[in-house]
Amino acid sequence: MAAGRYAVHSDLMSDSGSGAHYYWCTRHHRVETDADVCPAKHVLGPYASAADAENALQKVQERNEAWEAEDARWAGEGR
């Protein structure tokens, strides 16, 4: 391999082998598929199902609340 060049793995990653991916578009507030997905800066995912993508914002909120509670608990112990 020439200096300054790196090997790149070009195969797409797949979590289930089905090839179907779903995304939640924060710009259009809808589920999108590989066929019509917006740029990465506007989407969450990929998800294995449309239902998972549709619930993406709820999952984000739940995780943020859990992390904030953990941060508060940790900060309280440090005093």
Protein backbone atom coordinates (compact mmCIF):
# COMPACT_ATOMS: atom_id res chain seq x y z
CA MET A 1 0.00 0.00 0.00
CA ALA A 2 1.35 3.44 -0.92
CA ALA A 3 2.34 5.87 1.83
CA GLY A 4 -0.56 8.01 2.98
CA ARG A 5 -3.20 5.56 1.72
CA TYR A 6 -5.44 3.55 4.00
CA ALA A 7 -7.48 0.44 3.42
CA VAL A 8 -11.19 1.12 3.58
CA HIS A 9 -13.89 -1.45 4.17
CA SER A 10 -16.55 -0.73 1.57
CA ASP A 11 -19.24 -3.25 2.50
CA LEU A 12 -22.35 -1.77 4.09
CA MET A 13 -22.97 -2.80 7.68
CA SER A 14 -26.17 -4.72 8.32
CA ASP A 15 -27.69 -5.56 11.67
CA SER A 16 -30.27 -8.10 10.54
CA GLY A 17 -29.38 -9.08 7.02
CA SER A 18 -32.73 -7.80 5.74
CA GLY A 19 -31.18 -4.67 4.28
CA ALA A 20 -34.09 -2.50 5.41
CA HIS A 21 -33.21 0.55 7.49
CA TYR A 22 -35.53 3.16 8.95
CA TYR A 23 -34.69 6.65 10.18
CA TRP A 24 -36.49 9.41 12.05
CA CYS A 25 -36.13 12.70 10.17
CA THR A 26 -35.96 15.65 12.57
CA ARG A 27 -36.50 18.02 9.66
CA HIS A 28 -39.69 16.49 8.26
CA HIS A 29 -40.90 14.75 11.46
CA ARG A 30 -41.46 11.43 9.74
CA VAL A 31 -40.02 7.95 9.26
CA GLU A 32 -37.77 7.64 6.21
CA THR A 33 -36.15 4.65 4.53
CA ASP A 34 -32.89 4.14 2.69
CA ALA A 35 -34.77 5.06 -0.49
CA ASP A 36 -35.74 8.56 0.69
CA VAL A 37 -33.53 9.40 3.66
CA CYS A 38 -32.46 13.01 4.27
CA PRO A 39 -28.81 13.91 4.97
CA ALA A 40 -27.35 12.41 8.16
CA LYS A 41 -27.44 15.75 10.02
CA HIS A 42 -31.26 15.56 9.93
CA VAL A 43 -31.89 11.94 10.92
CA LEU A 44 -31.68 9.56 13.86
CA GLY A 45 -30.98 5.93 13.12
CA PRO A 46 -30.79 3.56 11.45
CA TYR A 47 -33.43 1.48 13.20
CA ALA A 48 -34.57 -2.05 12.42
CA SER A 49 -38.25 -1.13 12.14
CA ALA A 50 -40.44 1.83 11.27
CA ALA A 51 -41.94 1.66 14.77
CA ASP A 52 -38.50 1.95 16.37
CA ALA A 53 -37.72 4.97 14.18
CA GLU A 54 -41.06 6.56 15.02
CA ASN A 55 -40.26 6.25 18.73
CA ALA A 56 -36.73 7.65 18.38
CA LEU A 57 -37.43 11.01 20.04
CA GLN A 58 -39.12 9.31 22.99
CA LYS A 59 -36.08 7.07 23.43
CA VAL A 60 -33.77 10.10 23.27
CA GLN A 61 -35.84 11.86 25.93
CA GLU A 62 -35.82 8.80 28.20
CA ARG A 63 -32.05 8.43 27.88
CA ASN A 64 -31.44 12.13 28.53
CA GLU A 65 -33.59 12.03 31.67
CA ALA A 66 -31.75 8.95 32.93
CA TRP A 67 -28.36 10.54 32.28
CA GLU A 68 -29.40 13.81 33.95
CA ALA A 69 -30.63 11.89 37.01
CA GLU A 70 -27.34 9.98 37.13
CA ASP A 71 -25.36 13.21 36.81
CA ALA A 72 -27.37 14.77 39.66
CA ARG A 73 -26.88 11.69 41.84
CA TRP A 74 -23.15 11.63 41.11
CA ALA A 75 -22.75 15.36 41.78
CA GLY A 76 -24.56 14.98 45.10
CA GLU A 77 -22.20 12.20 46.22
CA GLY A 78 -19.13 14.29 45.43
CA ARG A 79 -19.95 16.93 48.05
